[in-house]
């Protein structure tokens, strides 16, 4: 276990297969992140909502894990470091059939331009 162990609960299942807040508002995301403490699924900072970061700031849960297929890295917001951690409760990613970005039925045709204009 790492020094981040107090922020990791291996038995907390993910809150779903998509960003909780984006699902509630009908929005879309680029990539998904899972709170290692409570399982909250939020969108990454490249997404419009940046809900994973908002979850950290509101809850104090500073450690996330990628919720993308084939990725198992952890991130600690407190010191902005990646690290290896323990296996979390299944499932460890969104379904392979779920598009990235996604979900496909809510993704605007000009999604890339939207993100690029926001980055300026």
PDB file of N, CA and C in Angstrom:
ATOM      1  N   UNK A   1       0.857  -1.185   0.000  1.00  0.00           N
ATOM      2  CA  UNK A   1       0.000   0.000   0.000  1.00  0.00           C
ATOM      3  C   UNK A   1       0.893   1.234   0.000  1.00  0.00           C
ATOM      4  N   UNK A   2       0.417   2.286  -0.587  1.00  0.00           N
ATOM      5  CA  UNK A   2       1.183   3.525  -0.687  1.00  0.00           C
ATOM      6  C   UNK A   2       0.844   4.462   0.459  1.00  0.00           C
ATOM      7  N   UNK A   3       1.507   5.596   0.482  1.00  0.00           N
ATOM      8  CA  UNK A   3       1.177   6.637   1.463  1.00  0.00           C
ATOM      9  C   UNK A   3      -0.224   7.174   1.212  1.00  0.00           C
ATOM     10  N   UNK A   4      -0.764   6.882   0.061  1.00  0.00           N
ATOM     11  CA  UNK A   4      -2.106   7.323  -0.294  1.00  0.00           C
ATOM     12  C   UNK A   4      -3.167   6.336   0.182  1.00  0.00           C
ATOM     13  N   UNK A   5      -2.774   5.312   0.904  1.00  0.00           N
ATOM     14  CA  UNK A   5      -3.685   4.263   1.315  1.00  0.00           C
ATOM     15  C   UNK A   5      -4.903   4.743   2.069  1.00  0.00           C
ATOM     16  N   UNK A   6      -4.788   5.852   2.780  1.00  0.00           N
ATOM     17  CA  UNK A   6      -5.942   6.373   3.504  1.00  0.00           C
ATOM     18  C   UNK A   6      -7.010   6.902   2.557  1.00  0.00           C
ATOM     19  N   UNK A   7      -6.650   7.106   1.301  1.00  0.00           N
ATOM     20  CA  UNK A   7      -7.581   7.617   0.295  1.00  0.00           C
ATOM     21  C   UNK A   7      -8.093   6.516  -0.634  1.00  0.00           C
ATOM     22  N   UNK A   8      -7.749   5.273  -0.354  1.00  0.00           N
ATOM     23  CA  UNK A   8      -8.131   4.168  -1.240  1.00  0.00           C
ATOM     24  C   UNK A   8      -8.952   3.151  -0.468  1.00  0.00           C
ATOM     25  N   UNK A   9     -10.155   2.898  -0.941  1.00  0.00           N
ATOM     26  CA  UNK A   9     -11.031   1.863  -0.387  1.00  0.00           C
ATOM     27  C   UNK A   9     -11.269   0.840  -1.497  1.00  0.00           C
ATOM     28  N   UNK A  10     -10.565  -0.275  -1.446  1.00  0.00           N
ATOM     29  CA  UNK A  10     -10.591  -1.234  -2.547  1.00  0.00           C
ATOM     30  C   UNK A  10     -11.955  -1.882  -2.761  1.00  0.00           C
ATOM     31  N   UNK A  11     -12.832  -1.842  -1.767  1.00  0.00           N
ATOM     32  CA  UNK A  11     -14.124  -2.507  -1.899  1.00  0.00           C
ATOM     33  C   UNK A  11     -15.253  -1.568  -2.343  1.00  0.00           C
ATOM     34  N   UNK A  12     -14.946  -0.292  -2.606  1.00  0.00           N
ATOM     35  CA  UNK A  12     -15.985   0.646  -3.067  1.00  0.00           C
ATOM     36  C   UNK A  12     -16.214   0.465  -4.561  1.00  0.00           C
ATOM     37  N   UNK A  13     -17.413   0.032  -4.962  1.00  0.00           N
ATOM     38  CA  UNK A  13     -17.672  -0.165  -6.392  1.00  0.00           C
ATOM     39  C   UNK A  13     -17.830   1.184  -7.100  1.00  0.00           C
ATOM     40  N   UNK A  14     -17.631   1.205  -8.418  1.00  0.00           N
ATOM     41  CA  UNK A  14     -17.839   2.448  -9.160  1.00  0.00           C
ATOM     42  C   UNK A  14     -19.312   2.849  -9.137  1.00  0.00           C
ATOM     43  N   UNK A  15     -19.562   4.149  -9.227  1.00  0.00           N
ATOM     44  CA  UNK A  15     -20.930   4.679  -9.156  1.00  0.00           C
ATOM     45  C   UNK A  15     -21.740   4.415 -10.422  1.00  0.00           C
ATOM     46  N   UNK A  16     -21.111   3.968 -11.464  1.00  0.00           N
ATOM     47  CA  UNK A  16     -21.797   3.684 -12.733  1.00  0.00           C
ATOM     48  C   UNK A  16     -20.775   3.524 -13.836  1.00  0.00           C
ATOM     49  N   UNK A  17     -21.230   3.684 -15.072  1.00  0.00           N
ATOM     50  CA  UNK A  17     -20.320   3.539 -16.218  1.00  0.00           C
ATOM     51  C   UNK A  17     -19.989   4.870 -16.871  1.00  0.00           C
ATOM     52  N   UNK A  18     -20.568   5.952 -16.361  1.00  0.00           N
ATOM     53  CA  UNK A  18     -20.305   7.277 -16.909  1.00  0.00           C
ATOM     54  C   UNK A  18     -20.203   8.304 -15.808  1.00  0.00           C
ATOM     55  N   UNK A  19     -19.820   9.514 -16.182  1.00  0.00           N
ATOM     56  CA  UNK A  19     -19.707  10.613 -15.229  1.00  0.00           C
ATOM     57  C   UNK A  19     -21.070  10.885 -14.603  1.00  0.00           C
ATOM     58  N   UNK A  20     -21.125  10.841 -13.289  1.00  0.00           N
ATOM     59  CA  UNK A  20     -22.378  11.023 -12.558  1.00  0.00           C
ATOM     60  C   UNK A  20     -23.053  12.333 -12.942  1.00  0.00           C
ATOM     61  N   UNK A  21     -22.304  13.426 -12.906  1.00  0.00           N
ATOM     62  CA  UNK A  21     -22.884  14.744 -13.167  1.00  0.00           C
ATOM     63  C   UNK A  21     -23.244  14.926 -14.640  1.00  0.00           C
ATOM     64  N   UNK A  22     -22.410  14.452 -15.550  1.00  0.00           N
ATOM     65  CA  UNK A  22     -22.731  14.555 -16.981  1.00  0.00           C
ATOM     66  C   UNK A  22     -23.972  13.734 -17.317  1.00  0.00           C
ATOM     67  N   UNK A  23     -24.094  12.570 -16.720  1.00  0.00           N
ATOM     68  CA  UNK A  23     -25.286  11.748 -16.937  1.00  0.00           C
ATOM     69  C   UNK A  23     -26.536  12.491 -16.469  1.00  0.00           C
ATOM     70  N   UNK A  24     -26.435  13.175 -15.338  1.00  0.00           N
ATOM     71  CA  UNK A  24     -27.590  13.878 -14.777  1.00  0.00           C
ATOM     72  C   UNK A  24     -28.017  15.063 -15.625  1.00  0.00           C
ATOM     73  N   UNK A  25     -27.062  15.672 -16.326  1.00  0.00           N
ATOM     74  CA  UNK A  25     -27.379  16.871 -17.119  1.00  0.00           C
ATOM     75  C   UNK A  25     -27.494  16.600 -18.607  1.00  0.00           C
ATOM     76  N   UNK A  26     -27.197  15.376 -19.040  1.00  0.00           N
ATOM     77  CA  UNK A  26     -27.245  15.049 -20.466  1.00  0.00           C
ATOM     78  C   UNK A  26     -26.025  15.519 -21.230  1.00  0.00           C
ATOM     79  N   UNK A  27     -24.928  15.755 -20.512  1.00  0.00           N
ATOM     80  CA  UNK A  27     -23.706  16.227 -21.141  1.00  0.00           C
ATOM     81  C   UNK A  27     -22.850  15.045 -21.606  1.00  0.00           C
ATOM     82  N   UNK A  28     -21.624  15.322 -22.004  1.00  0.00           N
ATOM     83  CA  UNK A  28     -20.693  14.310 -22.520  1.00  0.00           C
ATOM     84  C   UNK A  28     -19.317  14.549 -21.914  1.00  0.00           C
ATOM     85  N   UNK A  29     -18.436  13.576 -22.086  1.00  0.00           N
ATOM     86  CA  UNK A  29     -17.106  13.634 -21.483  1.00  0.00           C
ATOM     87  C   UNK A  29     -16.061  13.137 -22.456  1.00  0.00           C
ATOM     88  N   UNK A  30     -14.789  13.408 -22.106  1.00  0.00           N
ATOM     89  CA  UNK A  30     -13.667  12.918 -22.901  1.00  0.00           C
ATOM     90  C   UNK A  30     -13.180  11.596 -22.321  1.00  0.00           C
ATOM     91  N   UNK A  31     -12.721  11.619 -21.073  1.00  0.00           N
ATOM     92  CA  UNK A  31     -12.269  10.409 -20.381  1.00  0.00           C
ATOM     93  C   UNK A  31     -12.881  10.379 -18.982  1.00  0.00           C
ATOM     94  N   UNK A  32     -12.877   9.195 -18.389  1.00  0.00           N
ATOM     95  CA  UNK A  32     -13.494   9.024 -17.071  1.00  0.00           C
ATOM     96  C   UNK A  32     -12.459   8.694 -16.009  1.00  0.00           C
ATOM     97  N   UNK A  33     -12.719   9.188 -14.799  1.00  0.00           N
ATOM     98  CA  UNK A  33     -11.865   8.947 -13.636  1.00  0.00           C
ATOM     99  C   UNK A  33     -12.722   8.444 -12.484  1.00  0.00           C
ATOM    100  N   UNK A  34     -12.150   7.554 -11.693  1.00  0.00           N
ATOM    101  CA  UNK A  34     -12.864   6.928 -10.572  1.00  0.00           C
ATOM    102  C   UNK A  34     -12.236   7.351  -9.253  1.00  0.00           C
ATOM    103  N   UNK A  35     -13.042   7.835  -8.350  1.00  0.00           N
ATOM    104  CA  UNK A  35     -12.557   8.170  -7.011  1.00  0.00           C
ATOM    105  C   UNK A  35     -12.168   6.870  -6.312  1.00  0.00           C
ATOM    106  N   UNK A  36     -10.939   6.818  -5.825  1.00  0.00           N
ATOM    107  CA  UNK A  36     -10.457   5.601  -5.173  1.00  0.00           C
ATOM    108  C   UNK A  36     -11.022   5.438  -3.766  1.00  0.00           C
ATOM    109  N   UNK A  37     -11.625   6.485  -3.230  1.00  0.00           N
ATOM    110  CA  UNK A  37     -12.198   6.392  -1.887  1.00  0.00           C
ATOM    111  C   UNK A  37     -13.646   5.931  -1.911  1.00  0.00           C
ATOM    112  N   UNK A  38     -14.452   6.491  -2.814  1.00  0.00           N
ATOM    113  CA  UNK A  38     -15.892   6.189  -2.775  1.00  0.00           C
ATOM    114  C   UNK A  38     -16.455   5.621  -4.073  1.00  0.00           C
ATOM    115  N   UNK A  39     -15.666   5.592  -5.143  1.00  0.00           N
ATOM    116  CA  UNK A  39     -16.140   5.019  -6.399  1.00  0.00           C
ATOM    117  C   UNK A  39     -16.836   5.997  -7.334  1.00  0.00           C
ATOM    118  N   UNK A  40     -16.951   7.260  -6.946  1.00  0.00           N
ATOM    119  CA  UNK A  40     -17.597   8.267  -7.803  1.00  0.00           C
ATOM    120  C   UNK A  40     -16.899   8.318  -9.158  1.00  0.00           C
ATOM    121  N   UNK A  41     -17.680   8.237 -10.225  1.00  0.00           N
ATOM    122  CA  UNK A  41     -17.131   8.368 -11.574  1.00  0.00           C
ATOM    123  C   UNK A  41     -17.360   9.799 -12.035  1.00  0.00           C
ATOM    124  N   UNK A  42     -16.270  10.456 -12.403  1.00  0.00           N
ATOM    125  CA  UNK A  42     -16.319  11.825 -12.895  1.00  0.00           C
ATOM    126  C   UNK A  42     -15.516  11.943 -14.177  1.00  0.00           C
ATOM    127  N   UNK A  43     -15.757  13.028 -14.896  1.00  0.00           N
ATOM    128  CA  UNK A  43     -15.031  13.244 -16.146  1.00  0.00           C
ATOM    129  C   UNK A  43     -13.698  13.948 -15.871  1.00  0.00           C
ATOM    130  N   UNK A  44     -12.758  13.748 -16.790  1.00  0.00           N
ATOM    131  CA  UNK A  44     -11.403  14.274 -16.646  1.00  0.00           C
ATOM    132  C   UNK A  44     -11.350  15.785 -16.885  1.00  0.00           C
ATOM    133  N   UNK A  45     -10.186  16.361 -16.669  1.00  0.00           N
ATOM    134  CA  UNK A  45     -10.024  17.803 -16.835  1.00  0.00           C
ATOM    135  C   UNK A  45     -10.021  18.253 -18.292  1.00  0.00           C
ATOM    136  N   UNK A  46      -9.919  17.327 -19.235  1.00  0.00           N
ATOM    137  CA  UNK A  46     -10.073  17.682 -20.651  1.00  0.00           C
ATOM    138  C   UNK A  46     -11.539  17.781 -21.030  1.00  0.00           C
ATOM    139  N   UNK A  47     -12.419  17.306 -20.191  1.00  0.00           N
ATOM    140  CA  UNK A  47     -13.860  17.351 -20.422  1.00  0.00           C
ATOM    141  C   UNK A  47     -14.403  18.718 -20.031  1.00  0.00           C
ATOM    142  N   UNK A  48     -15.579  19.044 -20.541  1.00  0.00           N
ATOM    143  CA  UNK A  48     -16.187  20.335 -20.231  1.00  0.00           C
ATOM    144  C   UNK A  48     -16.473  20.497 -18.745  1.00  0.00           C
ATOM    145  N   UNK A  49     -16.950  19.455 -18.102  1.00  0.00           N
ATOM    146  CA  UNK A  49     -17.384  19.560 -16.713  1.00  0.00           C
ATOM    147  C   UNK A  49     -16.291  19.444 -15.676  1.00  0.00           C
ATOM    148  N   UNK A  50     -15.193  18.812 -15.987  1.00  0.00           N
ATOM    149  CA  UNK A  50     -14.099  18.541 -15.045  1.00  0.00           C
ATOM    150  C   UNK A  50     -14.634  18.039 -13.695  1.00  0.00           C
ATOM    151  N   UNK A  51     -15.584  17.114 -13.750  1.00  0.00           N
ATOM    152  CA  UNK A  51     -16.294  16.680 -12.546  1.00  0.00           C
ATOM    153  C   UNK A  51     -15.450  15.850 -11.582  1.00  0.00           C
ATOM    154  N   UNK A  52     -14.430  15.138 -12.068  1.00  0.00           N
ATOM    155  CA  UNK A  52     -13.573  14.397 -11.136  1.00  0.00           C
ATOM    156  C   UNK A  52     -12.833  15.372 -10.214  1.00  0.00           C
ATOM    157  N   UNK A  53     -12.324  16.454 -10.780  1.00  0.00           N
ATOM    158  CA  UNK A  53     -11.641  17.463  -9.964  1.00  0.00           C
ATOM    159  C   UNK A  53     -12.621  18.137  -9.009  1.00  0.00           C
ATOM    160  N   UNK A  54     -13.815  18.445  -9.482  1.00  0.00           N
ATOM    161  CA  UNK A  54     -14.829  19.047  -8.605  1.00  0.00           C
ATOM    162  C   UNK A  54     -15.155  18.111  -7.439  1.00  0.00           C
ATOM    163  N   UNK A  55     -15.234  16.808  -7.716  1.00  0.00           N
ATOM    164  CA  UNK A  55     -15.512  15.839  -6.651  1.00  0.00           C
ATOM    165  C   UNK A  55     -14.418  15.893  -5.593  1.00  0.00           C
ATOM    166  N   UNK A  56     -13.164  15.941  -6.013  1.00  0.00           N
ATOM    167  CA  UNK A  56     -12.051  16.036  -5.056  1.00  0.00           C
ATOM    168  C   UNK A  56     -12.184  17.286  -4.193  1.00  0.00           C
ATOM    169  N   UNK A  57     -12.437  18.413  -4.840  1.00  0.00           N
ATOM    170  CA  UNK A  57     -12.516  19.673  -4.090  1.00  0.00           C
ATOM    171  C   UNK A  57     -13.689  19.698  -3.118  1.00  0.00           C
ATOM    172  N   UNK A  58     -14.793  19.057  -3.480  1.00  0.00           N
ATOM    173  CA  UNK A  58     -15.972  19.040  -2.610  1.00  0.00           C
ATOM    174  C   UNK A  58     -15.886  17.974  -1.521  1.00  0.00           C
ATOM    175  N   UNK A  59     -15.285  16.831  -1.834  1.00  0.00           N
ATOM    176  CA  UNK A  59     -15.281  15.700  -0.899  1.00  0.00           C
ATOM    177  C   UNK A  59     -13.983  15.551  -0.114  1.00  0.00           C
ATOM    178  N   UNK A  60     -12.895  16.071  -0.659  1.00  0.00           N
ATOM    179  CA  UNK A  60     -11.590  15.834  -0.051  1.00  0.00           C
ATOM    180  C   UNK A  60     -10.960  14.520  -0.454  1.00  0.00           C
ATOM    181  N   UNK A  61     -11.649  13.755  -1.304  1.00  0.00           N
ATOM    182  CA  UNK A  61     -11.112  12.483  -1.792  1.00  0.00           C
ATOM    183  C   UNK A  61     -10.097  12.791  -2.890  1.00  0.00           C
ATOM    184  N   UNK A  62      -8.817  12.738  -2.553  1.00  0.00           N
ATOM    185  CA  UNK A  62      -7.754  13.248  -3.417  1.00  0.00           C
ATOM    186  C   UNK A  62      -7.185  12.255  -4.418  1.00  0.00           C
ATOM    187  N   UNK A  63      -7.536  10.988  -4.329  1.00  0.00           N
ATOM    188  CA  UNK A  63      -6.929   9.982  -5.199  1.00  0.00           C
ATOM    189  C   UNK A  63      -7.973   9.437  -6.174  1.00  0.00           C
ATOM    190  N   UNK A  64      -7.587   9.426  -7.449  1.00  0.00           N
ATOM    191  CA  UNK A  64      -8.434   8.858  -8.497  1.00  0.00           C
ATOM    192  C   UNK A  64      -7.657   7.782  -9.240  1.00  0.00           C
ATOM    193  N   UNK A  65      -8.407   6.957  -9.952  1.00  0.00           N
ATOM    194  CA  UNK A  65      -7.817   5.991 -10.870  1.00  0.00           C
ATOM    195  C   UNK A  65      -8.494   6.184 -12.212  1.00  0.00           C
ATOM    196  N   UNK A  66      -7.748   5.975 -13.282  1.00  0.00           N
ATOM    197  CA  UNK A  66      -8.359   6.024 -14.603  1.00  0.00           C
ATOM    198  C   UNK A  66      -9.481   4.996 -14.662  1.00  0.00           C
ATOM    199  N   UNK A  67     -10.573   5.343 -15.322  1.00  0.00           N
ATOM    200  CA  UNK A  67     -11.687   4.407 -15.524  1.00  0.00           C
ATOM    201  C   UNK A  67     -11.802   4.066 -17.010  1.00  0.00           C
ATOM    202  N   UNK A  68     -10.649   4.121 -17.685  1.00  0.00           N
ATOM    203  CA  UNK A  68     -10.563   3.781 -19.100  1.00  0.00           C
ATOM    204  C   UNK A  68     -10.033   2.362 -19.254  1.00  0.00           C
ATOM    205  N   UNK A  69     -10.575   1.600 -20.215  1.00  0.00           N
ATOM    206  CA  UNK A  69     -10.103   0.233 -20.425  1.00  0.00           C
ATOM    207  C   UNK A  69      -8.597   0.180 -20.677  1.00  0.00           C
ATOM    208  N   UNK A  70      -7.929  -0.757 -20.009  1.00  0.00           N
ATOM    209  CA  UNK A  70      -6.497  -0.958 -20.187  1.00  0.00           C
ATOM    210  C   UNK A  70      -5.615  -0.011 -19.400  1.00  0.00           C
ATOM    211  N   UNK A  71      -6.209   0.906 -18.624  1.00  0.00           N
ATOM    212  CA  UNK A  71      -5.429   1.848 -17.814  1.00  0.00           C
ATOM    213  C   UNK A  71      -5.685   1.573 -16.337  1.00  0.00           C
ATOM    214  N   UNK A  72      -4.609   1.530 -15.548  1.00  0.00           N
ATOM    215  CA  UNK A  72      -4.791   1.273 -14.120  1.00  0.00           C
ATOM    216  C   UNK A  72      -4.017   2.247 -13.241  1.00  0.00           C
ATOM    217  N   UNK A  73      -3.566   3.357 -13.802  1.00  0.00           N
ATOM    218  CA  UNK A  73      -2.796   4.332 -13.024  1.00  0.00           C
ATOM    219  C   UNK A  73      -3.679   5.104 -12.050  1.00  0.00           C
ATOM    220  N   UNK A  74      -3.040   5.527 -10.973  1.00  0.00           N
ATOM    221  CA  UNK A  74      -3.673   6.361  -9.955  1.00  0.00           C
ATOM    222  C   UNK A  74      -3.069   7.756 -10.036  1.00  0.00           C
ATOM    223  N   UNK A  75      -3.820   8.761  -9.577  1.00  0.00           N
ATOM    224  CA  UNK A  75      -3.375  10.155  -9.535  1.00  0.00           C
ATOM    225  C   UNK A  75      -3.758  10.725  -8.178  1.00  0.00           C
ATOM    226  N   UNK A  76      -2.819  11.444  -7.578  1.00  0.00           N
ATOM    227  CA  UNK A  76      -3.081  12.116  -6.314  1.00  0.00           C
ATOM    228  C   UNK A  76      -3.101  13.618  -6.582  1.00  0.00           C
ATOM    229  N   UNK A  77      -4.257  14.232  -6.407  1.00  0.00           N
ATOM    230  CA  UNK A  77      -4.400  15.663  -6.650  1.00  0.00           C
ATOM    231  C   UNK A  77      -3.535  16.503  -5.711  1.00  0.00           C
ATOM    232  N   UNK A  78      -3.283  16.001  -4.515  1.00  0.00           N
ATOM    233  CA  UNK A  78      -2.568  16.804  -3.516  1.00  0.00           C
ATOM    234  C   UNK A  78      -1.146  17.156  -3.944  1.00  0.00           C
ATOM    235  N   UNK A  79      -0.447  16.182  -4.519  1.00  0.00           N
ATOM    236  CA  UNK A  79       0.927  16.464  -4.941  1.00  0.00           C
ATOM    237  C   UNK A  79       1.123  16.267  -6.447  1.00  0.00           C
ATOM    238  N   UNK A  80       0.008  16.058  -7.152  1.00  0.00           N
ATOM    239  CA  UNK A  80       0.014  15.917  -8.610  1.00  0.00           C
ATOM    240  C   UNK A  80       0.989  14.850  -9.082  1.00  0.00           C
ATOM    241  N   UNK A  81       0.851  13.651  -8.501  1.00  0.00           N
ATOM    242  CA  UNK A  81       1.713  12.533  -8.869  1.00  0.00           C
ATOM    243  C   UNK A  81       0.881  11.326  -9.290  1.00  0.00           C
ATOM    244  N   UNK A  82       1.459  10.547 -10.169  1.00  0.00           N
ATOM    245  CA  UNK A  82       0.868   9.256 -10.518  1.00  0.00           C
ATOM    246  C   UNK A  82       1.596   8.187  -9.721  1.00  0.00           C
ATOM    247  N   UNK A  83       0.899   7.101  -9.488  1.00  0.00           N
ATOM    248  CA  UNK A  83       1.507   5.995  -8.761  1.00  0.00           C
ATOM    249  C   UNK A  83       0.740   4.722  -9.051  1.00  0.00           C
ATOM    250  N   UNK A  84       1.343   3.592  -8.700  1.00  0.00           N
ATOM    251  CA  UNK A  84       0.689   2.295  -8.813  1.00  0.00           C
ATOM    252  C   UNK A  84      -0.017   2.013  -7.504  1.00  0.00           C
ATOM    253  N   UNK A  85      -1.193   1.414  -7.600  1.00  0.00           N
ATOM    254  CA  UNK A  85      -1.939   1.109  -6.395  1.00  0.00           C
ATOM    255  C   UNK A  85      -2.589  -0.253  -6.479  1.00  0.00           C
ATOM    256  N   UNK A  86      -3.403  -0.563  -5.502  1.00  0.00           N
ATOM    257  CA  UNK A  86      -4.043  -1.880  -5.450  1.00  0.00           C
ATOM    258  C   UNK A  86      -5.185  -1.996  -6.457  1.00  0.00           C
ATOM    259  N   UNK A  87      -5.598  -3.216  -6.709  1.00  0.00           N
ATOM    260  CA  UNK A  87      -6.759  -3.459  -7.566  1.00  0.00           C
ATOM    261  C   UNK A  87      -8.012  -2.993  -6.831  1.00  0.00           C
ATOM    262  N   UNK A  88      -8.865  -2.267  -7.537  1.00  0.00           N
ATOM    263  CA  UNK A  88     -10.130  -1.816  -6.970  1.00  0.00           C
ATOM    264  C   UNK A  88     -11.242  -2.777  -7.358  1.00  0.00           C
ATOM    265  N   UNK A  89     -12.382  -2.648  -6.704  1.00  0.00           N
ATOM    266  CA  UNK A  89     -13.540  -3.502  -6.986  1.00  0.00           C
ATOM    267  C   UNK A  89     -13.935  -3.391  -8.451  1.00  0.00           C
ATOM    268  N   UNK A  90     -14.380  -4.472  -8.997  1.00  0.00           N
ATOM    269  CA  UNK A  90     -14.853  -4.515 -10.391  1.00  0.00           C
ATOM    270  C   UNK A  90     -16.158  -3.753 -10.542  1.00  0.00           C
ATOM    271  N   UNK A  91     -16.455  -3.249 -11.726  1.00  0.00           N
ATOM    272  CA  UNK A  91     -15.591  -3.189 -12.900  1.00  0.00           C
ATOM    273  C   UNK A  91     -14.560  -2.082 -12.757  1.00  0.00           C
ATOM    274  N   UNK A  92     -13.420  -2.267 -13.417  1.00  0.00           N
ATOM    275  CA  UNK A  92     -12.328  -1.303 -13.309  1.00  0.00           C
ATOM    276  C   UNK A  92     -12.289  -0.321 -14.477  1.00  0.00           C
ATOM    277  N   UNK A  93     -13.262  -0.414 -15.374  1.00  0.00           N
ATOM    278  CA  UNK A  93     -13.353   0.541 -16.476  1.00  0.00           C
ATOM    279  C   UNK A  93     -14.785   0.571 -16.990  1.00  0.00           C
ATOM    280  N   UNK A  94     -15.056   1.581 -17.800  1.00  0.00           N
ATOM    281  CA  UNK A  94     -16.345   1.614 -18.480  1.00  0.00           C
ATOM    282  C   UNK A  94     -16.371   0.501 -19.521  1.00  0.00           C
ATOM    283  N   UNK A  95     -17.537   0.127 -20.025  1.00  0.00           N
ATOM    284  CA  UNK A  95     -17.610  -0.952 -21.027  1.00  0.00           C
ATOM    285  C   UNK A  95     -16.826  -0.606 -22.297  1.00  0.00           C
ATOM    286  N   UNK A  96     -16.223  -1.600 -22.893  1.00  0.00           N
ATOM    287  CA  UNK A  96     -15.490  -1.394 -24.144  1.00  0.00           C
ATOM    288  C   UNK A  96     -16.377  -0.813 -25.236  1.00  0.00           C
ATOM    289  N   UNK A  97     -17.665  -1.114 -25.190  1.00  0.00           N
ATOM    290  CA  UNK A  97     -18.594  -0.615 -26.209  1.00  0.00           C
ATOM    291  C   UNK A  97     -18.910   0.873 -26.055  1.00  0.00           C
ATOM    292  N   UNK A  98     -18.554   1.455 -24.931  1.00  0.00           N
ATOM    293  CA  UNK A  98     -18.823   2.872 -24.673  1.00  0.00           C
ATOM    294  C   UNK A  98     -17.766   3.722 -25.375  1.00  0.00           C
ATOM    295  N   UNK A  99     -18.189   4.660 -26.187  1.00  0.00           N
ATOM    296  CA  UNK A  99     -17.253   5.451 -26.973  1.00  0.00           C
ATOM    297  C   UNK A  99     -16.448   6.424 -26.122  1.00  0.00           C
ATOM    298  N   UNK A 100     -15.286   6.795 -26.643  1.00  0.00           N
ATOM    299  CA  UNK A 100     -14.412   7.792 -26.031  1.00  0.00           C
ATOM    300  C   UNK A 100     -14.059   8.796 -27.120  1.00  0.00           C
ATOM    301  N   UNK A 101     -14.408  10.072 -27.003  1.00  0.00           N
ATOM    302  CA  UNK A 101     -15.300  10.608 -25.994  1.00  0.00           C
ATOM    303  C   UNK A 101     -16.702  10.038 -26.140  1.00  0.00           C
ATOM    304  N   UNK A 102     -17.533  10.327 -25.202  1.00  0.00           N
ATOM    305  CA  UNK A 102     -18.861   9.765 -25.254  1.00  0.00           C
ATOM    306  C   UNK A 102     -19.787  10.378 -24.225  1.00  0.00           C
ATOM    307  N   UNK A 103     -20.928   9.818 -24.096  1.00  0.00           N
ATOM    308  CA  UNK A 103     -21.470   8.752 -24.940  1.00  0.00           C
ATOM    309  C   UNK A 103     -21.816   9.265 -26.339  1.00  0.00           C
ATOM    310  N   UNK A 104     -21.717   8.385 -27.307  1.00  0.00           N
ATOM    311  CA  UNK A 104     -21.841   8.744 -28.719  1.00  0.00           C
ATOM    312  C   UNK A 104     -23.129   9.485 -29.035  1.00  0.00           C
ATOM    313  N   UNK A 105     -24.235   9.110 -28.404  1.00  0.00           N
ATOM    314  CA  UNK A 105     -25.521   9.738 -28.739  1.00  0.00           C
ATOM    315  C   UNK A 105     -25.636  11.166 -28.209  1.00  0.00           C
ATOM    316  N   UNK A 106     -24.717  11.592 -27.344  1.00  0.00           N
ATOM    317  CA  UNK A 106     -24.747  12.971 -26.823  1.00  0.00           C
ATOM    318  C   UNK A 106     -23.565  13.804 -27.292  1.00  0.00           C
ATOM    319  N   UNK A 107     -22.656  13.193 -28.024  1.00  0.00           N
ATOM    320  CA  UNK A 107     -21.446  13.865 -28.458  1.00  0.00           C
ATOM    321  C   UNK A 107     -21.749  14.776 -29.651  1.00  0.00           C
ATOM    322  N   UNK A 108     -21.545  16.096 -29.521  1.00  0.00           N
ATOM    323  CA  UNK A 108     -21.813  16.980 -30.651  1.00  0.00           C
ATOM    324  C   UNK A 108     -20.815  16.751 -31.782  1.00  0.00           C
ATOM    325  N   UNK A 109     -21.224  16.996 -32.994  1.00  0.00           N
ATOM    326  CA  UNK A 109     -20.349  16.796 -34.155  1.00  0.00           C
ATOM    327  C   UNK A 109     -19.094  17.659 -34.057  1.00  0.00           C
ATOM    328  N   UNK A 110     -19.203  18.812 -33.437  1.00  0.00           N
ATOM    329  CA  UNK A 110     -18.067  19.732 -33.336  1.00  0.00           C
ATOM    330  C   UNK A 110     -17.378  19.667 -31.971  1.00  0.00           C
ATOM    331  N   UNK A 111     -17.390  18.511 -31.319  1.00  0.00           N
ATOM    332  CA  UNK A 111     -16.859  18.378 -29.965  1.00  0.00           C
ATOM    333  C   UNK A 111     -15.405  18.817 -29.858  1.00  0.00           C
ATOM    334  N   UNK A 112     -14.584  18.492 -30.867  1.00  0.00           N
ATOM    335  CA  UNK A 112     -13.176  18.852 -30.809  1.00  0.00           C
ATOM    336  C   UNK A 112     -12.997  20.370 -30.867  1.00  0.00           C
ATOM    337  N   UNK A 113     -13.757  21.025 -31.705  1.00  0.00           N
ATOM    338  CA  UNK A 113     -13.690  22.491 -31.781  1.00  0.00           C
ATOM    339  C   UNK A 113     -14.155  23.128 -30.471  1.00  0.00           C
ATOM    340  N   UNK A 114     -15.154  22.544 -29.862  1.00  0.00           N
ATOM    341  CA  UNK A 114     -15.635  23.051 -28.574  1.00  0.00           C
ATOM    342  C   UNK A 114     -14.528  22.998 -27.537  1.00  0.00           C
ATOM    343  N   UNK A 115     -13.823  21.881 -27.466  1.00  0.00           N
ATOM    344  CA  UNK A 115     -12.736  21.737 -26.498  1.00  0.00           C
ATOM    345  C   UNK A 115     -11.564  22.658 -26.835  1.00  0.00           C
ATOM    346  N   UNK A 116     -11.235  22.784 -28.109  1.00  0.00           N
ATOM    347  CA  UNK A 116     -10.136  23.653 -28.505  1.00  0.00           C
ATOM    348  C   UNK A 116     -10.438  25.119 -28.184  1.00  0.00           C
ATOM    349  N   UNK A 117     -11.679  25.539 -28.381  1.00  0.00           N
ATOM    350  CA  UNK A 117     -12.021  26.939 -28.092  1.00  0.00           C
ATOM    351  C   UNK A 117     -11.996  27.210 -26.594  1.00  0.00           C
ATOM    352  N   UNK A 118     -12.290  26.210 -25.817  1.00  0.00           N
ATOM    353  CA  UNK A 118     -12.263  26.356 -24.353  1.00  0.00           C
ATOM    354  C   UNK A 118     -10.831  26.462 -23.843  1.00  0.00           C
ATOM    355  N   UNK A 119      -9.882  25.818 -24.535  1.00  0.00           N
ATOM    356  CA  UNK A 119      -8.486  25.792 -24.098  1.00  0.00           C
ATOM    357  C   UNK A 119      -7.767  27.112 -24.385  1.00  0.00           C
ATOM    358  N   UNK A 120      -8.329  27.931 -25.223  1.00  0.00           N
ATOM    359  CA  UNK A 120      -7.652  29.192 -25.578  1.00  0.00           C
ATOM    360  C   UNK A 120      -7.720  30.212 -24.504  1.00  0.00           C
TER     361      UNK A 120
END
